[in-house]
Amino acid sequence: MAAFTNDPDRLVSAAAGGTVRLWSLTGQHQVAEVRIDASLHCAAFDADSGRVLAASALGVTALQVVGRPEPGEGAAEHGRGTTPTP
């Protein structure tokens, strides 16, 4: 499960194992990774808020992407919160 961000060089992916990753397409490498304690169904980028949204059966987790992260910065780790969905 993957989606493009508002930056055409960035791609966000979510895995059933609970990992959300932010990728650089130009550099062809991972730039950030966050583990969530849930089996993820999808990920999307909210251009209005700059957040990555990851959805599971337990709800939606919002991850704030700060700046334009490079490898090792862990930039997707900020602002994490979960909201249950019906």
PDB file of N, CA and C in Angstrom:
ATOM      1  N   MET A   1       0.841  -1.160   0.000  1.00  0.00           N
ATOM      2  CA  MET A   1       0.000   0.000   0.000  1.00  0.00           C
ATOM      3  C   MET A   1       0.891   1.228   0.000  1.00  0.00           C
ATOM      4  N   ALA A   2       0.747   2.061  -1.007  1.00  0.00           N
ATOM      5  CA  ALA A   2       1.616   3.220  -1.137  1.00  0.00           C
ATOM      6  C   ALA A   2       0.839   4.402  -1.703  1.00  0.00           C
ATOM      7  N   ALA A   3       1.347   5.615  -1.421  1.00  0.00           N
ATOM      8  CA  ALA A   3       0.730   6.838  -1.936  1.00  0.00           C
ATOM      9  C   ALA A   3       1.806   7.900  -2.099  1.00  0.00           C
ATOM     10  N   PHE A   4       1.633   8.770  -3.081  1.00  0.00           N
ATOM     11  CA  PHE A   4       2.554   9.883  -3.262  1.00  0.00           C
ATOM     12  C   PHE A   4       2.205  11.004  -2.298  1.00  0.00           C
ATOM     13  N   THR A   5       3.222  11.748  -1.867  1.00  0.00           N
ATOM     14  CA  THR A   5       3.019  12.930  -1.035  1.00  0.00           C
ATOM     15  C   THR A   5       2.836  14.118  -1.969  1.00  0.00           C
ATOM     16  N   ASN A   6       2.711  15.334  -1.418  1.00  0.00           N
ATOM     17  CA  ASN A   6       2.616  16.509  -2.286  1.00  0.00           C
ATOM     18  C   ASN A   6       3.963  16.858  -2.899  1.00  0.00           C
ATOM     19  N   ASP A   7       5.034  16.241  -2.439  1.00  0.00           N
ATOM     20  CA  ASP A   7       6.365  16.353  -3.031  1.00  0.00           C
ATOM     21  C   ASP A   7       6.507  15.160  -3.975  1.00  0.00           C
ATOM     22  N   PRO A   8       6.618  15.381  -5.288  1.00  0.00           N
ATOM     23  CA  PRO A   8       6.647  14.257  -6.226  1.00  0.00           C
ATOM     24  C   PRO A   8       7.837  13.325  -6.045  1.00  0.00           C
ATOM     25  N   ASP A   9       8.815  13.716  -5.225  1.00  0.00           N
ATOM     26  CA  ASP A   9       9.958  12.846  -4.955  1.00  0.00           C
ATOM     27  C   ASP A   9       9.694  11.903  -3.790  1.00  0.00           C
ATOM     28  N   ARG A  10       8.614  12.104  -3.052  1.00  0.00           N
ATOM     29  CA  ARG A  10       8.357  11.307  -1.854  1.00  0.00           C
ATOM     30  C   ARG A  10       7.182  10.360  -2.051  1.00  0.00           C
ATOM     31  N   LEU A  11       7.330   9.178  -1.497  1.00  0.00           N
ATOM     32  CA  LEU A  11       6.291   8.155  -1.525  1.00  0.00           C
ATOM     33  C   LEU A  11       6.143   7.637  -0.103  1.00  0.00           C
ATOM     34  N   VAL A  12       4.922   7.433   0.357  1.00  0.00           N
ATOM     35  CA  VAL A  12       4.683   6.849   1.672  1.00  0.00           C
ATOM     36  C   VAL A  12       4.114   5.452   1.466  1.00  0.00           C
ATOM     37  N   SER A  13       4.586   4.500   2.289  1.00  0.00           N
ATOM     38  CA  SER A  13       4.071   3.130   2.192  1.00  0.00           C
ATOM     39  C   SER A  13       3.671   2.637   3.577  1.00  0.00           C
ATOM     40  N   ALA A  14       2.712   1.715   3.593  1.00  0.00           N
ATOM     41  CA  ALA A  14       2.257   1.091   4.837  1.00  0.00           C
ATOM     42  C   ALA A  14       2.239  -0.411   4.623  1.00  0.00           C
ATOM     43  N   ALA A  15       2.686  -1.152   5.629  1.00  0.00           N
ATOM     44  CA  ALA A  15       2.754  -2.609   5.518  1.00  0.00           C
ATOM     45  C   ALA A  15       1.853  -3.261   6.558  1.00  0.00           C
ATOM     46  N   ALA A  16       1.391  -4.446   6.240  1.00  0.00           N
ATOM     47  CA  ALA A  16       0.534  -5.197   7.162  1.00  0.00           C
ATOM     48  C   ALA A  16       1.239  -5.446   8.488  1.00  0.00           C
ATOM     49  N   GLY A  17       2.568  -5.472   8.485  1.00  0.00           N
ATOM     50  CA  GLY A  17       3.338  -5.677   9.708  1.00  0.00           C
ATOM     51  C   GLY A  17       3.384  -4.463  10.613  1.00  0.00           C
ATOM     52  N   GLY A  18       2.775  -3.333  10.203  1.00  0.00           N
ATOM     53  CA  GLY A  18       2.695  -2.155  11.060  1.00  0.00           C
ATOM     54  C   GLY A  18       3.757  -1.106  10.805  1.00  0.00           C
ATOM     55  N   THR A  19       4.455  -1.174   9.678  1.00  0.00           N
ATOM     56  CA  THR A  19       5.515  -0.218   9.385  1.00  0.00           C
ATOM     57  C   THR A  19       5.059   0.798   8.347  1.00  0.00           C
ATOM     58  N   VAL A  20       5.240   2.080   8.676  1.00  0.00           N
ATOM     59  CA  VAL A  20       5.010   3.172   7.730  1.00  0.00           C
ATOM     60  C   VAL A  20       6.386   3.694   7.345  1.00  0.00           C
ATOM     61  N   ARG A  21       6.619   3.819   6.036  1.00  0.00           N
ATOM     62  CA  ARG A  21       7.921   4.294   5.557  1.00  0.00           C
ATOM     63  C   ARG A  21       7.724   5.452   4.589  1.00  0.00           C
ATOM     64  N   LEU A  22       8.656   6.400   4.641  1.00  0.00           N
ATOM     65  CA  LEU A  22       8.710   7.503   3.698  1.00  0.00           C
ATOM     66  C   LEU A  22       9.935   7.273   2.823  1.00  0.00           C
ATOM     67  N   TRP A  23       9.739   7.346   1.500  1.00  0.00           N
ATOM     68  CA  TRP A  23      10.791   7.020   0.531  1.00  0.00           C
ATOM     69  C   TRP A  23      11.142   8.225  -0.318  1.00  0.00           C
ATOM     70  N   SER A  24      12.415   8.301  -0.726  1.00  0.00           N
ATOM     71  CA  SER A  24      12.874   9.253  -1.732  1.00  0.00           C
ATOM     72  C   SER A  24      12.951   8.509  -3.053  1.00  0.00           C
ATOM     73  N   LEU A  25      12.219   8.970  -4.064  1.00  0.00           N
ATOM     74  CA  LEU A  25      12.254   8.310  -5.363  1.00  0.00           C
ATOM     75  C   LEU A  25      13.527   8.663  -6.128  1.00  0.00           C
ATOM     76  N   THR A  26      13.973   9.925  -6.017  1.00  0.00           N
ATOM     77  CA  THR A  26      15.193  10.332  -6.702  1.00  0.00           C
ATOM     78  C   THR A  26      16.401   9.598  -6.138  1.00  0.00           C
ATOM     79  N   GLY A  27      16.511   9.580  -4.811  1.00  0.00           N
ATOM     80  CA  GLY A  27      17.637   8.916  -4.158  1.00  0.00           C
ATOM     81  C   GLY A  27      17.482   7.412  -4.064  1.00  0.00           C
ATOM     82  N   GLN A  28      16.276   6.914  -4.307  1.00  0.00           N
ATOM     83  CA  GLN A  28      15.959   5.489  -4.240  1.00  0.00           C
ATOM     84  C   GLN A  28      16.345   4.877  -2.889  1.00  0.00           C
ATOM     85  N   HIS A  29      15.896   5.558  -1.804  1.00  0.00           N
ATOM     86  CA  HIS A  29      16.153   5.043  -0.461  1.00  0.00           C
ATOM     87  C   HIS A  29      15.034   5.475   0.497  1.00  0.00           C
ATOM     88  N   GLN A  30      14.986   4.789   1.629  1.00  0.00           N
ATOM     89  CA  GLN A  30      14.036   5.109   2.694  1.00  0.00           C
ATOM     90  C   GLN A  30      14.580   6.294   3.474  1.00  0.00           C
ATOM     91  N   VAL A  31      13.711   7.270   3.805  1.00  0.00           N
ATOM     92  CA  VAL A  31      14.167   8.425   4.576  1.00  0.00           C
ATOM     93  C   VAL A  31      13.590   8.472   5.985  1.00  0.00           C
ATOM     94  N   ALA A  32      12.510   7.749   6.255  1.00  0.00           N
ATOM     95  CA  ALA A  32      11.941   7.712   7.606  1.00  0.00           C
ATOM     96  C   ALA A  32      11.116   6.438   7.767  1.00  0.00           C
ATOM     97  N   GLU A  33      11.042   5.968   9.010  1.00  0.00           N
ATOM     98  CA  GLU A  33      10.265   4.763   9.314  1.00  0.00           C
ATOM     99  C   GLU A  33       9.638   4.902  10.687  1.00  0.00           C
ATOM    100  N   VAL A  34       8.370   4.503  10.783  1.00  0.00           N
ATOM    101  CA  VAL A  34       7.659   4.494  12.061  1.00  0.00           C
ATOM    102  C   VAL A  34       6.935   3.161  12.170  1.00  0.00           C
ATOM    103  N   ARG A  35       7.007   2.545  13.345  1.00  0.00           N
ATOM    104  CA  ARG A  35       6.295   1.284  13.582  1.00  0.00           C
ATOM    105  C   ARG A  35       5.051   1.572  14.421  1.00  0.00           C
ATOM    106  N   ILE A  36       3.941   0.990  13.977  1.00  0.00           N
ATOM    107  CA  ILE A  36       2.655   1.140  14.655  1.00  0.00           C
ATOM    108  C   ILE A  36       2.204  -0.251  15.070  1.00  0.00           C
ATOM    109  N   ASP A  37       1.669  -0.370  16.273  1.00  0.00           N
ATOM    110  CA  ASP A  37       1.261  -1.678  16.786  1.00  0.00           C
ATOM    111  C   ASP A  37      -0.110  -2.066  16.235  1.00  0.00           C
ATOM    112  N   ALA A  38      -0.176  -2.254  14.906  1.00  0.00           N
ATOM    113  CA  ALA A  38      -1.429  -2.649  14.247  1.00  0.00           C
ATOM    114  C   ALA A  38      -1.105  -3.111  12.832  1.00  0.00           C
ATOM    115  N   SER A  39      -1.950  -3.951  12.295  1.00  0.00           N
ATOM    116  CA  SER A  39      -1.834  -4.377  10.901  1.00  0.00           C
ATOM    117  C   SER A  39      -2.440  -3.281  10.030  1.00  0.00           C
ATOM    118  N   LEU A  40      -1.619  -2.635   9.218  1.00  0.00           N
ATOM    119  CA  LEU A  40      -2.070  -1.485   8.439  1.00  0.00           C
ATOM    120  C   LEU A  40      -2.740  -1.901   7.134  1.00  0.00           C
ATOM    121  N   HIS A  41      -3.771  -1.146   6.766  1.00  0.00           N
ATOM    122  CA  HIS A  41      -4.507  -1.400   5.526  1.00  0.00           C
ATOM    123  C   HIS A  41      -4.091  -0.451   4.414  1.00  0.00           C
ATOM    124  N   CYS A  42      -3.770   0.805   4.765  1.00  0.00           N
ATOM    125  CA  CYS A  42      -3.402   1.779   3.738  1.00  0.00           C
ATOM    126  C   CYS A  42      -2.726   2.983   4.379  1.00  0.00           C
ATOM    127  N   ALA A  43      -2.115   3.805   3.521  1.00  0.00           N
ATOM    128  CA  ALA A  43      -1.510   5.062   3.952  1.00  0.00           C
ATOM    129  C   ALA A  43      -1.852   6.123   2.920  1.00  0.00           C
ATOM    130  N   ALA A  44      -1.970   7.353   3.378  1.00  0.00           N
ATOM    131  CA  ALA A  44      -2.254   8.477   2.488  1.00  0.00           C
ATOM    132  C   ALA A  44      -1.552   9.704   3.037  1.00  0.00           C
ATOM    133  N   PHE A  45      -1.341  10.680   2.183  1.00  0.00           N
ATOM    134  CA  PHE A  45      -0.719  11.923   2.605  1.00  0.00           C
ATOM    135  C   PHE A  45      -1.763  13.023   2.555  1.00  0.00           C
ATOM    136  N   ASP A  46      -1.935  13.731   3.659  1.00  0.00           N
ATOM    137  CA  ASP A  46      -2.875  14.850   3.730  1.00  0.00           C
ATOM    138  C   ASP A  46      -2.107  16.136   3.434  1.00  0.00           C
ATOM    139  N   ALA A  47      -2.245  16.658   2.218  1.00  0.00           N
ATOM    140  CA  ALA A  47      -1.489  17.838   1.796  1.00  0.00           C
ATOM    141  C   ALA A  47      -1.831  19.075   2.624  1.00  0.00           C
ATOM    142  N   ASP A  48      -3.060  19.181   3.125  1.00  0.00           N
ATOM    143  CA  ASP A  48      -3.459  20.344   3.916  1.00  0.00           C
ATOM    144  C   ASP A  48      -2.725  20.419   5.248  1.00  0.00           C
ATOM    145  N   SER A  49      -2.550  19.286   5.908  1.00  0.00           N
ATOM    146  CA  SER A  49      -1.918  19.284   7.231  1.00  0.00           C
ATOM    147  C   SER A  49      -0.458  18.859   7.194  1.00  0.00           C
ATOM    148  N   GLY A  50      -0.009  18.255   6.090  1.00  0.00           N
ATOM    149  CA  GLY A  50       1.364  17.755   6.015  1.00  0.00           C
ATOM    150  C   GLY A  50       1.550  16.462   6.776  1.00  0.00           C
ATOM    151  N   ARG A  51       0.462  15.777   7.078  1.00  0.00           N
ATOM    152  CA  ARG A  51       0.543  14.528   7.843  1.00  0.00           C
ATOM    153  C   ARG A  51       0.406  13.315   6.939  1.00  0.00           C
ATOM    154  N   VAL A  52       1.016  12.229   7.389  1.00  0.00           N
ATOM    155  CA  VAL A  52       0.800  10.925   6.781  1.00  0.00           C
ATOM    156  C   VAL A  52      -0.264  10.241   7.623  1.00  0.00           C
ATOM    157  N   LEU A  53      -1.286   9.701   6.991  1.00  0.00           N
ATOM    158  CA  LEU A  53      -2.348   8.987   7.689  1.00  0.00           C
ATOM    159  C   LEU A  53      -2.223   7.507   7.379  1.00  0.00           C
ATOM    160  N   ALA A  54      -2.209   6.682   8.407  1.00  0.00           N
ATOM    161  CA  ALA A  54      -2.126   5.229   8.243  1.00  0.00           C
ATOM    162  C   ALA A  54      -3.355   4.616   8.900  1.00  0.00           C
ATOM    163  N   ALA A  55      -4.050   3.753   8.164  1.00  0.00           N
ATOM    164  CA  ALA A  55      -5.302   3.182   8.660  1.00  0.00           C
ATOM    165  C   ALA A  55      -5.171   1.694   8.935  1.00  0.00           C
ATOM    166  N   SER A  56      -5.791   1.273  10.036  1.00  0.00           N
ATOM    167  CA  SER A  56      -5.854  -0.138  10.420  1.00  0.00           C
ATOM    168  C   SER A  56      -7.273  -0.421  10.896  1.00  0.00           C
ATOM    169  N   ALA A  57      -7.539  -1.648  11.285  1.00  0.00           N
ATOM    170  CA  ALA A  57      -8.849  -1.998  11.829  1.00  0.00           C
ATOM    171  C   ALA A  57      -9.098  -1.275  13.155  1.00  0.00           C
ATOM    172  N   LEU A  58      -8.043  -0.815  13.818  1.00  0.00           N
ATOM    173  CA  LEU A  58      -8.157  -0.132  15.107  1.00  0.00           C
ATOM    174  C   LEU A  58      -8.427   1.358  14.972  1.00  0.00           C
ATOM    175  N   GLY A  59      -8.192   1.927  13.785  1.00  0.00           N
ATOM    176  CA  GLY A  59      -8.401   3.353  13.589  1.00  0.00           C
ATOM    177  C   GLY A  59      -7.373   3.950  12.656  1.00  0.00           C
ATOM    178  N   VAL A  60      -7.244   5.272  12.718  1.00  0.00           N
ATOM    179  CA  VAL A  60      -6.327   6.011  11.861  1.00  0.00           C
ATOM    180  C   VAL A  60      -5.253   6.643  12.731  1.00  0.00           C
ATOM    181  N   THR A  61      -3.997   6.506  12.321  1.00  0.00           N
ATOM    182  CA  THR A  61      -2.879   7.132  13.011  1.00  0.00           C
ATOM    183  C   THR A  61      -2.348   8.251  12.131  1.00  0.00           C
ATOM    184  N   ALA A  62      -2.180   9.450  12.702  1.00  0.00           N
ATOM    185  CA  ALA A  62      -1.640  10.595  11.975  1.00  0.00           C
ATOM    186  C   ALA A  62      -0.192  10.808  12.391  1.00  0.00           C
ATOM    187  N   LEU A  63       0.693  10.900  11.405  1.00  0.00           N
ATOM    188  CA  LEU A  63       2.117  11.117  11.642  1.00  0.00           C
ATOM    189  C   LEU A  63       2.516  12.427  10.989  1.00  0.00           C
ATOM    190  N   GLN A  64       3.104  13.334  11.753  1.00  0.00           N
ATOM    191  CA  GLN A  64       3.505  14.632  11.203  1.00  0.00           C
ATOM    192  C   GLN A  64       4.862  14.514  10.530  1.00  0.00           C
ATOM    193  N   VAL A  65       4.948  14.926   9.278  1.00  0.00           N
ATOM    194  CA  VAL A  65       6.220  14.967   8.560  1.00  0.00           C
ATOM    195  C   VAL A  65       6.751  16.384   8.692  1.00  0.00           C
ATOM    196  N   VAL A  66       7.961  16.514   9.230  1.00  0.00           N
ATOM    197  CA  VAL A  66       8.547  17.820   9.492  1.00  0.00           C
ATOM    198  C   VAL A  66       9.641  18.090   8.467  1.00  0.00           C
ATOM    199  N   GLY A  67       9.520  19.174   7.729  1.00  0.00           N
ATOM    200  CA  GLY A  67      10.534  19.537   6.739  1.00  0.00           C
ATOM    201  C   GLY A  67      10.594  18.537   5.600  1.00  0.00           C
ATOM    202  N   ARG A  68      11.789  18.376   5.067  1.00  0.00           N
ATOM    203  CA  ARG A  68      12.026  17.419   3.982  1.00  0.00           C
ATOM    204  C   ARG A  68      13.077  16.458   4.498  1.00  0.00           C
ATOM    205  N   PRO A  69      12.645  15.406   5.198  1.00  0.00           N
ATOM    206  CA  PRO A  69      13.587  14.534   5.891  1.00  0.00           C
ATOM    207  C   PRO A  69      14.554  13.823   4.955  1.00  0.00           C
ATOM    208  N   GLU A  70      15.728  13.587   5.478  1.00  0.00           N
ATOM    209  CA  GLU A  70      16.751  12.791   4.807  1.00  0.00           C
ATOM    210  C   GLU A  70      16.987  11.554   5.661  1.00  0.00           C
ATOM    211  N   PRO A  71      17.679  10.555   5.150  1.00  0.00           N
ATOM    212  CA  PRO A  71      17.868   9.306   5.897  1.00  0.00           C
ATOM    213  C   PRO A  71      18.391   9.543   7.311  1.00  0.00           C
ATOM    214  N   GLY A  72      17.814   8.825   8.272  1.00  0.00           N
ATOM    215  CA  GLY A  72      18.278   8.869   9.652  1.00  0.00           C
ATOM    216  C   GLY A  72      17.650   9.949  10.506  1.00  0.00           C
ATOM    217  N   GLU A  73      16.867  10.854   9.935  1.00  0.00           N
ATOM    218  CA  GLU A  73      16.284  11.932  10.725  1.00  0.00           C
ATOM    219  C   GLU A  73      15.027  11.515  11.466  1.00  0.00           C
ATOM    220  N   GLY A  74      14.361  10.436  11.052  1.00  0.00           N
ATOM    221  CA  GLY A  74      13.151   9.976  11.730  1.00  0.00           C
ATOM    222  C   GLY A  74      12.040  10.999  11.731  1.00  0.00           C
ATOM    223  N   ALA A  75      11.937  11.783  10.691  1.00  0.00           N
ATOM    224  CA  ALA A  75      11.037  12.928  10.678  1.00  0.00           C
ATOM    225  C   ALA A  75       9.567  12.565  10.749  1.00  0.00           C
ATOM    226  N   ALA A  76       9.189  11.359  10.382  1.00  0.00           N
ATOM    227  CA  ALA A  76       7.772  11.003  10.402  1.00  0.00           C
ATOM    228  C   ALA A  76       7.287  10.634  11.797  1.00  0.00           C
ATOM    229  N   GLU A  77       8.148  10.681  12.787  1.00  0.00           N
ATOM    230  CA  GLU A  77       7.832  10.245  14.141  1.00  0.00           C
ATOM    231  C   GLU A  77       6.986  11.253  14.915  1.00  0.00           C
ATOM    232  N   HIS A  78       6.935  12.507  14.499  1.00  0.00           N
ATOM    233  CA  HIS A  78       6.315  13.574  15.282  1.00  0.00           C
ATOM    234  C   HIS A  78       4.794  13.606  15.167  1.00  0.00           C
ATOM    235  N   GLY A  79       4.128  13.968  16.240  1.00  0.00           N
ATOM    236  CA  GLY A  79       2.696  14.231  16.223  1.00  0.00           C
ATOM    237  C   GLY A  79       1.821  13.012  16.042  1.00  0.00           C
ATOM    238  N   ARG A  80       2.199  11.916  16.634  1.00  0.00           N
ATOM    239  CA  ARG A  80       1.451  10.679  16.437  1.00  0.00           C
ATOM    240  C   ARG A  80       0.233  10.628  17.352  1.00  0.00           C
ATOM    241  N   GLY A  81      -0.915  10.292  16.785  1.00  0.00           N
ATOM    242  CA  GLY A  81      -2.135  10.135  17.558  1.00  0.00           C
ATOM    243  C   GLY A  81      -3.075   9.181  16.851  1.00  0.00           C
ATOM    244  N   THR A  82      -3.909   8.514  17.596  1.00  0.00           N
ATOM    245  CA  THR A  82      -4.820   7.547  16.995  1.00  0.00           C
ATOM    246  C   THR A  82      -6.258   7.945  17.276  1.00  0.00           C
ATOM    247  N   THR A  83      -7.076   7.881  16.252  1.00  0.00           N
ATOM    248  CA  THR A  83      -8.496   8.151  16.379  1.00  0.00           C
ATOM    249  C   THR A  83      -9.261   6.929  15.908  1.00  0.00           C
ATOM    250  N   PRO A  84     -10.046   6.288  16.778  1.00  0.00           N
ATOM    251  CA  PRO A  84     -10.815   5.115  16.351  1.00  0.00           C
ATOM    252  C   PRO A  84     -11.828   5.484  15.275  1.00  0.00           C
ATOM    253  N   THR A  85     -12.057   4.566  14.374  1.00  0.00           N
ATOM    254  CA  THR A  85     -13.084   4.754  13.356  1.00  0.00           C
ATOM    255  C   THR A  85     -14.206   3.763  13.604  1.00  0.00           C
ATOM    256  N   PRO A  86     -15.440   4.108  13.204  1.00  0.00           N
ATOM    257  CA  PRO A  86     -16.566   3.196  13.460  1.00  0.00           C
ATOM    258  C   PRO A  86     -16.464   1.914  12.664  1.00  0.00           C
TER     259      PRO A  86
END
